Amino acid sequence: QEQLVESGGGLVQPGGSLRLSCAASGFTLNYYTIAWFRQAPGKEREGVSCISGEIGSTSYADSVSGRFTISRNNAKSTVYLQMNTLKPEDTAVYYCAAALWVAGYKPTFDEVEYDYWGQGTQVTVSS
C-alpha cells in the first residue's frame, strides 16, 4: 500500500531552521515527483517546493526561494525539506505528496496531479 509519512515539524523561533522528512513506502520513489505543500490556518493549501522523478529538477514558491532546499535520497525512499531563516508566516501544516513523473513534463503545484498524500506535520514559527 502506497504511503507517505512526514516528520520533523515542531516549534522554532524566527530565524531558526527545521528539516522535514517525507518517507515513502509501497512505491518506487525515483519514479515520482514529490512536492511539499503547506496550509496555514484560514488559508488555502499552497505549493512550497517540488523535486521531479529521475532527474531531480527542483522548483520553489517565491515565498521560500533562497531559504528552503528540497532534496531526495532514493536509497532511503525519503525526500527532505531543509527550511532556514524561518519566519512566522511559514507557520502551517506541511504535507508531502507524490505524482507519477512523466519525462519532459515540468511538475506543477496543481494538487489534482498528486496521487498520494501524507498526513501532515505542524511547523510553528514563534518567539
Foldseek 3Di string as FASTA:
>chain_A
DWAWAKDWADEAAAQAKIKMKIAIPDDQLLQKKKWKWWDDPPGDIGTAKIFGHPVGDMDGDPVQPPFWDWDDDRVRRMIMIIGGRDDQVVWTWMKMFIAGHDPPDDDDGPVVRTDYIHPTDTHGYHD
